[in-house]
Amino acid sequence: MDKHRCGWCLGDPLYEAYHDMEWGVPVKDDETLFEFLILETFQAGLSWITILRKREHFREAFDHFDYKKIAEYGQEKVDELLQNPGIIRNKLKVHATVTNAQAFMEVQKEFGSFSSYIWGFVNGSPIKNALPHYKQAPATTPLSDAISKDLKKRGFKFVGSTVIYAHMQATGMVNDHEVNCFRYHEV
């Protein structure tokens, strides 16, 4: 018997695997939070499946999302990235990745970890919505607005409210699985 999944992932094995194993699972380690943050910033204006299909290329190109290395990228590395056909070659987003790695480490210094900072917005526990259909999920919320504003104040780039809400969904800060999805009660 087939499992019922959220409608947004149906029909693509990569999308379905991402939905089944990652999307909405609470992430508390800084390395994975950084990876999702960077992938979400590159996704701005594009479809998530486009990013998923390029994810391994992103991992290779960006030193497996090692934010300490990325924070040190100079112009030579940025130029190399902008020539890499395996990733999204957007100059502003590549530069923002370097800036965001630096800002990420500043947040770690202040809060002990990025996880403590970001999860502090939800008091350490996921928000569990009850969506009958994925299209009823909001693109932004007052909370994603507040997080976006705070991140921007801290120097982060490409972290608008829509990007941040998608990050919250991906990293399990909010459970937006459809209520009849088999993952709704599992995450």
N, C-alpha and C. Protein backbone atom coordinates (compact mmCIF):
# COMPACT_ATOMS: atom_id res chain seq x y z
N MET A 1 0.84 -1.19 0.00
CA MET A 1 0.00 0.00 0.00
C MET A 1 0.88 1.25 0.00
N ASP A 2 0.56 2.16 -0.89
CA ASP A 2 1.33 3.40 -0.97
C ASP A 2 1.07 4.29 0.24
N LYS A 3 2.12 4.97 0.65
CA LYS A 3 2.00 5.93 1.74
C LYS A 3 1.49 7.24 1.15
N HIS A 4 0.65 7.93 1.92
CA HIS A 4 0.20 9.25 1.47
C HIS A 4 1.28 10.27 1.81
N ARG A 5 1.68 11.02 0.80
CA ARG A 5 2.69 12.07 0.96
C ARG A 5 2.07 13.43 0.67
N CYS A 6 2.75 14.47 1.12
CA CYS A 6 2.36 15.83 0.77
C CYS A 6 2.38 15.97 -0.75
N GLY A 7 1.42 16.69 -1.27
CA GLY A 7 1.27 16.80 -2.71
C GLY A 7 2.42 17.46 -3.45
N TRP A 8 3.17 18.32 -2.78
CA TRP A 8 4.23 19.06 -3.46
C TRP A 8 5.37 18.20 -3.95
N CYS A 9 5.55 17.00 -3.38
CA CYS A 9 6.73 16.19 -3.73
C CYS A 9 6.41 15.07 -4.71
N LEU A 10 5.16 14.87 -5.04
CA LEU A 10 4.75 13.69 -5.80
C LEU A 10 5.30 13.68 -7.23
N GLY A 11 5.73 12.49 -7.65
CA GLY A 11 6.11 12.29 -9.04
C GLY A 11 7.59 12.34 -9.35
N ASP A 12 8.40 12.73 -8.40
CA ASP A 12 9.84 12.78 -8.63
C ASP A 12 10.52 12.01 -7.50
N PRO A 13 11.25 10.95 -7.81
CA PRO A 13 11.87 10.12 -6.77
C PRO A 13 12.81 10.91 -5.84
N LEU A 14 13.54 11.87 -6.39
CA LEU A 14 14.44 12.68 -5.56
C LEU A 14 13.63 13.53 -4.58
N TYR A 15 12.58 14.16 -5.08
CA TYR A 15 11.70 14.98 -4.25
C TYR A 15 11.04 14.14 -3.16
N GLU A 16 10.55 12.96 -3.55
CA GLU A 16 9.88 12.09 -2.59
C GLU A 16 10.84 11.61 -1.50
N ALA A 17 12.06 11.27 -1.89
CA ALA A 17 13.06 10.83 -0.90
C ALA A 17 13.40 11.97 0.06
N TYR A 18 13.56 13.17 -0.47
CA TYR A 18 13.82 14.34 0.37
C TYR A 18 12.67 14.55 1.35
N HIS A 19 11.45 14.49 0.85
CA HIS A 19 10.26 14.63 1.69
C HIS A 19 10.23 13.56 2.78
N ASP A 20 10.48 12.32 2.39
CA ASP A 20 10.35 11.19 3.32
C ASP A 20 11.44 11.17 4.39
N MET A 21 12.63 11.65 4.07
CA MET A 21 13.75 11.48 5.00
C MET A 21 14.25 12.77 5.65
N GLU A 22 14.02 13.93 5.01
CA GLU A 22 14.62 15.15 5.53
C GLU A 22 13.65 16.26 5.88
N TRP A 23 12.73 16.55 4.97
CA TRP A 23 11.90 17.75 5.12
C TRP A 23 11.07 17.69 6.39
N GLY A 24 11.23 18.70 7.20
CA GLY A 24 10.44 18.80 8.42
C GLY A 24 11.03 18.09 9.62
N VAL A 25 12.15 17.39 9.43
CA VAL A 25 12.81 16.72 10.56
C VAL A 25 13.60 17.78 11.33
N PRO A 26 13.37 17.90 12.64
CA PRO A 26 14.10 18.92 13.40
C PRO A 26 15.62 18.74 13.31
N VAL A 27 16.27 19.80 12.87
CA VAL A 27 17.73 19.82 12.71
C VAL A 27 18.29 20.74 13.78
N LYS A 28 19.21 20.20 14.58
CA LYS A 28 19.79 21.02 15.66
C LYS A 28 21.30 21.21 15.52
N ASP A 29 21.93 20.54 14.55
CA ASP A 29 23.38 20.71 14.41
C ASP A 29 23.69 21.86 13.45
N ASP A 30 24.68 22.64 13.82
CA ASP A 30 25.01 23.85 13.07
C ASP A 30 25.41 23.57 11.63
N GLU A 31 26.11 22.48 11.39
CA GLU A 31 26.58 22.19 10.04
C GLU A 31 25.40 22.00 9.08
N THR A 32 24.40 21.24 9.50
CA THR A 32 23.24 21.00 8.63
C THR A 32 22.38 22.25 8.52
N LEU A 33 22.24 22.99 9.62
CA LEU A 33 21.49 24.25 9.56
C LEU A 33 22.13 25.21 8.56
N PHE A 34 23.46 25.26 8.56
CA PHE A 34 24.15 26.14 7.60
C PHE A 34 23.92 25.66 6.18
N GLU A 35 24.03 24.36 5.95
CA GLU A 35 23.79 23.83 4.60
C GLU A 35 22.41 24.23 4.10
N PHE A 36 21.40 24.01 4.92
CA PHE A 36 20.04 24.36 4.49
C PHE A 36 19.89 25.86 4.29
N LEU A 37 20.49 26.64 5.13
CA LEU A 37 20.40 28.09 4.98
C LEU A 37 20.98 28.53 3.63
N ILE A 38 22.14 27.98 3.29
CA ILE A 38 22.77 28.34 2.01
C ILE A 38 21.94 27.83 0.83
N LEU A 39 21.49 26.60 0.91
CA LEU A 39 20.67 26.07 -0.19
C LEU A 39 19.40 26.89 -0.35
N GLU A 40 18.78 27.28 0.76
CA GLU A 40 17.57 28.10 0.68
C GLU A 40 17.86 29.45 0.04
N THR A 41 19.02 30.04 0.35
CA THR A 41 19.33 31.35 -0.25
C THR A 41 19.53 31.21 -1.76
N PHE A 42 20.13 30.11 -2.18
CA PHE A 42 20.29 29.89 -3.63
C PHE A 42 18.95 29.59 -4.29
N GLN A 43 18.02 29.03 -3.54
CA GLN A 43 16.72 28.67 -4.09
C GLN A 43 15.87 29.89 -4.39
N ALA A 44 16.13 31.01 -3.75
CA ALA A 44 15.31 32.20 -3.94
C ALA A 44 15.08 32.47 -5.43
N GLY A 45 13.82 32.45 -5.82
CA GLY A 45 13.46 32.70 -7.21
C GLY A 45 13.47 31.46 -8.09
N LEU A 46 13.85 30.34 -7.54
CA LEU A 46 13.91 29.08 -8.29
C LEU A 46 13.08 28.01 -7.57
N SER A 47 12.95 26.85 -8.19
CA SER A 47 12.23 25.76 -7.54
C SER A 47 13.18 24.96 -6.65
N TRP A 48 12.65 24.38 -5.61
CA TRP A 48 13.47 23.60 -4.69
C TRP A 48 14.04 22.36 -5.39
N ILE A 49 13.30 21.78 -6.31
CA ILE A 49 13.80 20.59 -7.00
C ILE A 49 15.06 20.94 -7.80
N THR A 50 15.14 22.15 -8.33
CA THR A 50 16.35 22.59 -9.04
C THR A 50 17.54 22.53 -8.10
N ILE A 51 17.36 23.01 -6.88
CA ILE A 51 18.43 23.01 -5.89
C ILE A 51 18.77 21.58 -5.47
N LEU A 52 17.76 20.75 -5.24
CA LEU A 52 18.03 19.36 -4.85
C LEU A 52 18.84 18.63 -5.91
N ARG A 53 18.53 18.88 -7.17
CA ARG A 53 19.27 18.22 -8.25
C ARG A 53 20.72 18.67 -8.31
N LYS A 54 21.00 19.85 -7.81
CA LYS A 54 22.37 20.38 -7.82
C LYS A 54 23.05 20.27 -6.45
N ARG A 55 22.38 19.68 -5.48
CA ARG A 55 22.88 19.67 -4.10
C ARG A 55 24.28 19.09 -3.97
N GLU A 56 24.53 17.98 -4.61
CA GLU A 56 25.86 17.36 -4.51
C GLU A 56 26.93 18.25 -5.14
N HIS A 57 26.57 18.93 -6.22
CA HIS A 57 27.51 19.87 -6.83
C HIS A 57 27.80 21.03 -5.88
N PHE A 58 26.76 21.51 -5.21
CA PHE A 58 26.95 22.56 -4.21
C PHE A 58 27.88 22.08 -3.10
N ARG A 59 27.65 20.85 -2.64
CA ARG A 59 28.50 20.32 -1.56
C ARG A 59 29.96 20.29 -1.97
N GLU A 60 30.22 19.81 -3.17
CA GLU A 60 31.60 19.76 -3.65
C GLU A 60 32.18 21.17 -3.81
N ALA A 61 31.43 22.03 -4.46
CA ALA A 61 31.91 23.38 -4.77
C ALA A 61 32.17 24.20 -3.51
N PHE A 62 31.34 24.02 -2.49
CA PHE A 62 31.43 24.81 -1.26
C PHE A 62 32.03 24.02 -0.09
N ASP A 63 33.02 23.18 -0.38
CA ASP A 63 33.75 22.48 0.67
C ASP A 63 32.82 21.80 1.68
N HIS A 64 31.80 21.12 1.16
CA HIS A 64 30.83 20.42 2.00
C HIS A 64 30.20 21.34 3.03
N PHE A 65 29.98 22.58 2.63
CA PHE A 65 29.33 23.61 3.45
C PHE A 65 30.08 23.86 4.76
N ASP A 66 31.39 23.76 4.71
CA ASP A 66 32.23 24.08 5.87
C ASP A 66 32.28 25.60 6.00
N TYR A 67 31.45 26.13 6.89
CA TYR A 67 31.32 27.59 6.99
C TYR A 67 32.62 28.27 7.40
N LYS A 68 33.49 27.56 8.12
CA LYS A 68 34.78 28.16 8.49
C LYS A 68 35.65 28.38 7.26
N LYS A 69 35.64 27.43 6.34
CA LYS A 69 36.38 27.60 5.08
C LYS A 69 35.72 28.65 4.20
N ILE A 70 34.41 28.58 4.11
CA ILE A 70 33.68 29.51 3.24
C ILE A 70 33.89 30.95 3.69
N ALA A 71 33.93 31.18 4.99
CA ALA A 71 34.13 32.53 5.52
C ALA A 71 35.45 33.14 5.07
N GLU A 72 36.40 32.27 4.68
CA GLU A 72 37.72 32.73 4.26
C GLU A 72 37.87 32.83 2.74
N TYR A 73 36.82 32.51 1.99
CA TYR A 73 36.92 32.55 0.53
C TYR A 73 37.32 33.94 0.06
N GLY A 74 38.28 33.96 -0.84
CA GLY A 74 38.70 35.21 -1.47
C GLY A 74 38.13 35.30 -2.87
N GLN A 75 38.54 36.33 -3.59
CA GLN A 75 38.00 36.57 -4.92
C GLN A 75 38.32 35.43 -5.89
N GLU A 76 39.49 34.81 -5.75
CA GLU A 76 39.86 33.71 -6.64
C GLU A 76 38.87 32.55 -6.52
N LYS A 77 38.51 32.20 -5.28
CA LYS A 77 37.55 31.11 -5.07
C LYS A 77 36.16 31.52 -5.56
N VAL A 78 35.78 32.76 -5.32
CA VAL A 78 34.48 33.25 -5.80
C VAL A 78 34.44 33.16 -7.33
N ASP A 79 35.51 33.59 -7.99
CA ASP A 79 35.56 33.51 -9.46
C ASP A 79 35.45 32.07 -9.94
N GLU A 80 36.12 31.16 -9.22
CA GLU A 80 36.04 29.73 -9.56
C GLU A 80 34.60 29.24 -9.43
N LEU A 81 33.93 29.62 -8.36
CA LEU A 81 32.53 29.22 -8.17
C LEU A 81 31.64 29.75 -9.27
N LEU A 82 31.89 30.97 -9.70
CA LEU A 82 31.06 31.58 -10.74
C LEU A 82 31.26 30.94 -12.11
N GLN A 83 32.29 30.11 -12.24
CA GLN A 83 32.52 29.36 -13.48
C GLN A 83 32.02 27.92 -13.39
N ASN A 84 31.51 27.53 -12.22
CA ASN A 84 31.11 26.14 -11.98
C ASN A 84 29.69 25.90 -12.50
N PRO A 85 29.53 25.13 -13.58
CA PRO A 85 28.20 24.90 -14.14
C PRO A 85 27.31 24.01 -13.27
N GLY A 86 27.89 23.38 -12.25
CA GLY A 86 27.11 22.48 -11.39
C GLY A 86 26.27 23.20 -10.35
N ILE A 87 26.54 24.49 -10.15
CA ILE A 87 25.79 25.25 -9.14
C ILE A 87 25.04 26.39 -9.81
N ILE A 88 24.28 27.13 -9.02
CA ILE A 88 23.62 28.34 -9.51
C ILE A 88 24.69 29.44 -9.48
N ARG A 89 25.03 29.96 -10.64
CA ARG A 89 26.14 30.92 -10.74
C ARG A 89 25.63 32.35 -10.66
N ASN A 90 25.09 32.68 -9.53
CA ASN A 90 24.59 34.03 -9.29
C ASN A 90 25.60 34.75 -8.43
N LYS A 91 26.19 35.81 -8.96
CA LYS A 91 27.28 36.51 -8.27
C LYS A 91 26.85 37.00 -6.89
N LEU A 92 25.66 37.57 -6.80
CA LEU A 92 25.20 38.09 -5.51
C LEU A 92 25.01 36.98 -4.48
N LYS A 93 24.50 35.84 -4.93
CA LYS A 93 24.27 34.72 -4.01
C LYS A 93 25.59 34.08 -3.58
N VAL A 94 26.55 33.99 -4.48
CA VAL A 94 27.86 33.44 -4.12
C VAL A 94 28.53 34.35 -3.10
N HIS A 95 28.52 35.65 -3.35
CA HIS A 95 29.10 36.60 -2.39
C HIS A 95 28.34 36.54 -1.05
N ALA A 96 27.02 36.40 -1.12
CA ALA A 96 26.21 36.31 0.09
C ALA A 96 26.58 35.07 0.91
N THR A 97 26.96 34.00 0.25
CA THR A 97 27.34 32.78 0.96
C THR A 97 28.56 33.04 1.84
N VAL A 98 29.52 33.76 1.32
CA VAL A 98 30.71 34.10 2.09
C VAL A 98 30.32 35.00 3.27
N THR A 99 29.55 36.02 2.98
CA THR A 99 29.08 36.94 4.03
C THR A 99 28.28 36.18 5.09
N ASN A 100 27.41 35.27 4.65
CA ASN A 100 26.57 34.53 5.59
C ASN A 100 27.40 33.58 6.45
N ALA A 101 28.46 33.01 5.91
CA ALA A 101 29.33 32.16 6.71
C ALA A 101 29.99 32.98 7.82
N GLN A 102 30.40 34.17 7.49
CA GLN A 102 31.02 35.06 8.49
C GLN A 102 30.00 35.45 9.56
N ALA A 103 28.80 35.83 9.13
CA ALA A 103 27.75 36.22 10.07
C ALA A 103 27.32 35.03 10.94
N PHE A 104 27.29 33.84 10.34
CA PHE A 104 26.94 32.60 11.03
C PHE A 104 27.87 32.38 12.22
N MET A 105 29.17 32.58 11.99
CA MET A 105 30.15 32.39 13.06
C MET A 105 30.03 33.47 14.13
N GLU A 106 29.64 34.66 13.75
CA GLU A 106 29.41 35.71 14.75
C GLU A 106 28.23 35.34 15.66
N VAL A 107 27.19 34.78 15.07
CA VAL A 107 26.04 34.31 15.86
C VAL A 107 26.48 33.19 16.80
N GLN A 108 27.32 32.28 16.31
CA GLN A 108 27.84 31.20 17.16
C GLN A 108 28.58 31.78 18.37
N LYS A 109 29.39 32.79 18.12
CA LYS A 109 30.14 33.40 19.23
C LYS A 109 29.20 33.98 20.27
N GLU A 110 28.15 34.62 19.81
CA GLU A 110 27.22 35.28 20.74
C GLU A 110 26.32 34.30 21.48
N PHE A 111 25.86 33.25 20.79
CA PHE A 111 24.85 32.35 21.37
C PHE A 111 25.40 30.96 21.72
N GLY A 112 26.65 30.69 21.43
CA GLY A 112 27.22 29.37 21.68
C GLY A 112 27.06 28.45 20.49
N SER A 113 25.96 28.59 19.76
CA SER A 113 25.73 27.84 18.52
C SER A 113 24.66 28.58 17.72
N PHE A 114 24.68 28.35 16.43
CA PHE A 114 23.61 28.92 15.60
C PHE A 114 22.29 28.25 15.95
N SER A 115 22.36 26.97 16.28
CA SER A 115 21.16 26.22 16.66
C SER A 115 20.46 26.86 17.86
N SER A 116 21.23 27.22 18.87
CA SER A 116 20.63 27.88 20.05
C SER A 116 19.93 29.17 19.66
N TYR A 117 20.57 29.91 18.78
CA TYR A 117 20.00 31.17 18.31
C TYR A 117 18.69 30.94 17.56
N ILE A 118 18.74 30.13 16.49
CA ILE A 118 17.59 30.00 15.61
C ILE A 118 16.43 29.27 16.29
N TRP A 119 16.75 28.21 17.06
CA TRP A 119 15.70 27.47 17.75
C TRP A 119 15.12 28.26 18.92
N GLY A 120 15.85 29.26 19.38
CA GLY A 120 15.33 30.12 20.43
C GLY A 120 14.06 30.86 20.01
N PHE A 121 13.89 31.06 18.71
CA PHE A 121 12.70 31.74 18.21
C PHE A 121 11.44 30.90 18.40
N VAL A 122 11.60 29.58 18.55
CA VAL A 122 10.44 28.69 18.76
C VAL A 122 10.57 27.97 20.11
N ASN A 123 11.33 28.55 21.00
CA ASN A 123 11.54 27.97 22.33
C ASN A 123 12.00 26.52 22.28
N GLY A 124 12.77 26.18 21.24
CA GLY A 124 13.37 24.86 21.13
C GLY A 124 12.46 23.75 20.64
N SER A 125 11.19 24.06 20.38
CA SER A 125 10.22 23.03 19.96
C SER A 125 9.56 23.41 18.65
N PRO A 126 9.37 22.44 17.77
CA PRO A 126 8.72 22.73 16.49
C PRO A 126 7.29 23.24 16.66
N ILE A 127 6.91 24.12 15.77
CA ILE A 127 5.51 24.55 15.65
C ILE A 127 4.82 23.51 14.78
N LYS A 128 3.73 22.95 15.26
CA LYS A 128 3.04 21.90 14.50
C LYS A 128 1.74 22.47 13.95
N ASN A 129 1.74 22.73 12.66
CA ASN A 129 0.54 23.21 12.00
C ASN A 129 -0.34 22.03 11.63
N ALA A 130 -1.56 22.30 11.20
CA ALA A 130 -2.50 21.25 10.82
C ALA A 130 -3.09 21.59 9.46
N LEU A 131 -2.28 21.36 8.43
CA LEU A 131 -2.67 21.72 7.07
C LEU A 131 -3.35 20.56 6.35
N PRO A 132 -4.58 20.75 5.88
CA PRO A 132 -5.21 19.70 5.10
C PRO A 132 -4.55 19.53 3.73
N HIS A 133 -3.99 20.62 3.19
CA HIS A 133 -3.38 20.59 1.86
C HIS A 133 -2.16 21.50 1.87
N TYR A 134 -1.10 21.05 1.22
CA TYR A 134 0.15 21.82 1.25
C TYR A 134 0.02 23.24 0.72
N LYS A 135 -0.92 23.47 -0.19
CA LYS A 135 -1.09 24.81 -0.75
C LYS A 135 -1.63 25.80 0.28
N GLN A 136 -2.06 25.30 1.43
CA GLN A 136 -2.55 26.18 2.49
C GLN A 136 -1.42 26.66 3.41
N ALA A 137 -0.22 26.14 3.19
CA ALA A 137 0.93 26.60 3.99
C ALA A 137 1.24 28.04 3.60
N PRO A 138 1.55 28.85 4.59
CA PRO A 138 1.90 30.24 4.26
C PRO A 138 3.29 30.32 3.63
N ALA A 139 3.54 31.38 2.90
CA ALA A 139 4.88 31.63 2.37
C ALA A 139 5.74 32.33 3.42
N THR A 140 5.06 33.09 4.27
CA THR A 140 5.73 33.81 5.36
C THR A 140 4.79 33.83 6.56
N THR A 141 5.35 34.13 7.71
CA THR A 141 4.56 34.31 8.93
C THR A 141 5.16 35.49 9.69
N PRO A 142 4.46 36.02 10.67
CA PRO A 142 5.08 37.06 11.48
C PRO A 142 6.40 36.59 12.11
N LEU A 143 6.50 35.31 12.45
CA LEU A 143 7.74 34.79 13.03
C LEU A 143 8.86 34.76 12.00
N SER A 144 8.57 34.32 10.78
CA SER A 144 9.63 34.33 9.75
C SER A 144 10.02 35.77 9.42
N ASP A 145 9.06 36.69 9.50
CA ASP A 145 9.38 38.12 9.31
C ASP A 145 10.38 38.57 10.38
N ALA A 146 10.12 38.19 11.62
CA ALA A 146 10.97 38.61 12.74
C ALA A 146 12.37 38.00 12.64
N ILE A 147 12.44 36.72 12.29
CA ILE A 147 13.74 36.05 12.15
C ILE A 147 14.53 36.69 11.00
N SER A 148 13.85 36.91 9.88
CA SER A 148 14.48 37.54 8.73
C SER A 148 15.06 38.90 9.10
N LYS A 149 14.27 39.69 9.78
CA LYS A 149 14.70 41.03 10.19
C LYS A 149 15.93 40.94 11.10
N ASP A 150 15.92 40.00 12.03
CA ASP A 150 17.04 39.87 12.95
C ASP A 150 18.30 39.38 12.23
N LEU A 151 18.14 38.43 11.32
CA LEU A 151 19.29 37.94 10.56
C LEU A 151 19.90 39.06 9.71
N LYS A 152 19.05 39.84 9.07
CA LYS A 152 19.54 40.96 8.26
C LYS A 152 20.30 41.95 9.12
N LYS A 153 19.78 42.22 10.31
CA LYS A 153 20.44 43.13 11.24
C LYS A 153 21.83 42.60 11.61
N ARG A 154 21.97 41.27 11.59
CA ARG A 154 23.25 40.63 11.92
C ARG A 154 24.16 40.47 10.70
N GLY A 155 23.74 41.00 9.56
CA GLY A 155 24.59 41.01 8.38
C GLY A 155 24.33 39.92 7.35
N PHE A 156 23.34 39.07 7.58
CA PHE A 156 23.03 38.01 6.62
C PHE A 156 22.38 38.61 5.37
N LYS A 157 22.61 37.95 4.23
CA LYS A 157 22.06 38.38 2.95
C LYS A 157 21.15 37.28 2.38
N PHE A 158 20.21 37.68 1.54
CA PHE A 158 19.27 36.74 0.88
C PHE A 158 18.50 35.93 1.92
N VAL A 159 18.09 36.58 2.98
CA VAL A 159 17.34 35.90 4.04
C VAL A 159 16.00 36.60 4.26
N GLY A 160 15.29 36.82 3.16
CA GLY A 160 13.96 37.40 3.27
C GLY A 160 13.03 36.44 3.99
N SER A 161 11.87 36.91 4.33
CA SER A 161 10.92 36.12 5.11
C SER A 161 10.52 34.81 4.43
N THR A 162 10.37 34.83 3.10
CA THR A 162 10.00 33.60 2.37
C THR A 162 11.12 32.56 2.46
N VAL A 163 12.36 33.00 2.29
CA VAL A 163 13.52 32.09 2.42
C VAL A 163 13.57 31.53 3.84
N ILE A 164 13.34 32.38 4.82
CA ILE A 164 13.41 31.93 6.21
C ILE A 164 12.27 30.96 6.53
N TYR A 165 11.07 31.21 6.04
CA TYR A 165 9.99 30.26 6.31
C TYR A 165 10.29 28.90 5.66
N ALA A 166 10.82 28.91 4.46
CA ALA A 166 11.21 27.65 3.81
C ALA A 166 12.29 26.95 4.63
N HIS A 167 13.22 27.71 5.19
CA HIS A 167 14.26 27.15 6.05
C HIS A 167 13.63 26.54 7.30
N MET A 168 12.67 27.22 7.88
CA MET A 168 11.98 26.71 9.06
C MET A 168 11.27 25.39 8.75
N GLN A 169 10.65 25.31 7.59
CA GLN A 169 9.98 24.07 7.18
C GLN A 169 11.00 22.95 6.98
N ALA A 170 12.06 23.24 6.26
CA ALA A 170 13.06 22.23 5.91
C ALA A 170 13.73 21.67 7.16
N THR A 171 14.01 22.53 8.13
CA THR A 171 14.77 22.12 9.31
C THR A 171 13.88 21.75 10.49
N GLY A 172 12.59 21.62 10.26
CA GLY A 172 11.68 21.13 11.28
C GLY A 172 11.31 22.12 12.36
N MET A 173 11.64 23.39 12.18
CA MET A 173 11.19 24.39 13.16
C MET A 173 9.68 24.53 13.09
N VAL A 174 9.13 24.19 11.93
CA VAL A 174 7.69 24.17 11.75
C VAL A 174 7.35 22.88 10.99
N ASN A 175 6.29 22.21 11.41
CA ASN A 175 5.84 21.00 10.73
C ASN A 175 4.68 21.39 9.84
N ASP A 176 4.95 21.47 8.55
CA ASP A 176 3.91 21.79 7.57
C ASP A 176 3.57 20.60 6.69
N HIS A 177 3.85 19.39 7.17
CA HIS A 177 3.35 18.22 6.45
C HIS A 177 1.82 18.25 6.49
N GLU A 178 1.20 17.81 5.42
CA GLU A 178 -0.26 17.71 5.41
C GLU A 178 -0.68 16.74 6.53
N VAL A 179 -1.80 17.00 7.15
CA VAL A 179 -2.22 16.17 8.30
C VAL A 179 -2.42 14.70 7.93
N ASN A 180 -2.73 14.42 6.67
CA ASN A 180 -2.90 13.02 6.28
C ASN A 180 -1.63 12.42 5.66
N CYS A 181 -0.53 13.17 5.69
CA CYS A 181 0.76 12.66 5.22
C CYS A 181 1.33 11.72 6.27
N PHE A 182 1.94 10.65 5.82
CA PHE A 182 2.49 9.68 6.77
C PHE A 182 3.59 10.27 7.64
N ARG A 183 4.21 11.36 7.21
CA ARG A 183 5.29 11.98 7.99
C ARG A 183 4.77 12.96 9.05
N TYR A 184 3.53 13.36 8.97
CA TYR A 184 3.01 14.38 9.87
C TYR A 184 3.23 14.03 11.34
N HIS A 185 2.91 12.80 11.70
CA HIS A 185 3.06 12.38 13.11
C HIS A 185 4.45 11.84 13.42
N GLU A 186 5.25 11.60 12.39
CA GLU A 186 6.58 11.04 12.60
C GLU A 186 7.64 12.10 12.94
N VAL A 187 7.40 13.33 12.49
CA VAL A 187 8.43 14.36 12.73
C VAL A 187 8.12 15.23 13.88
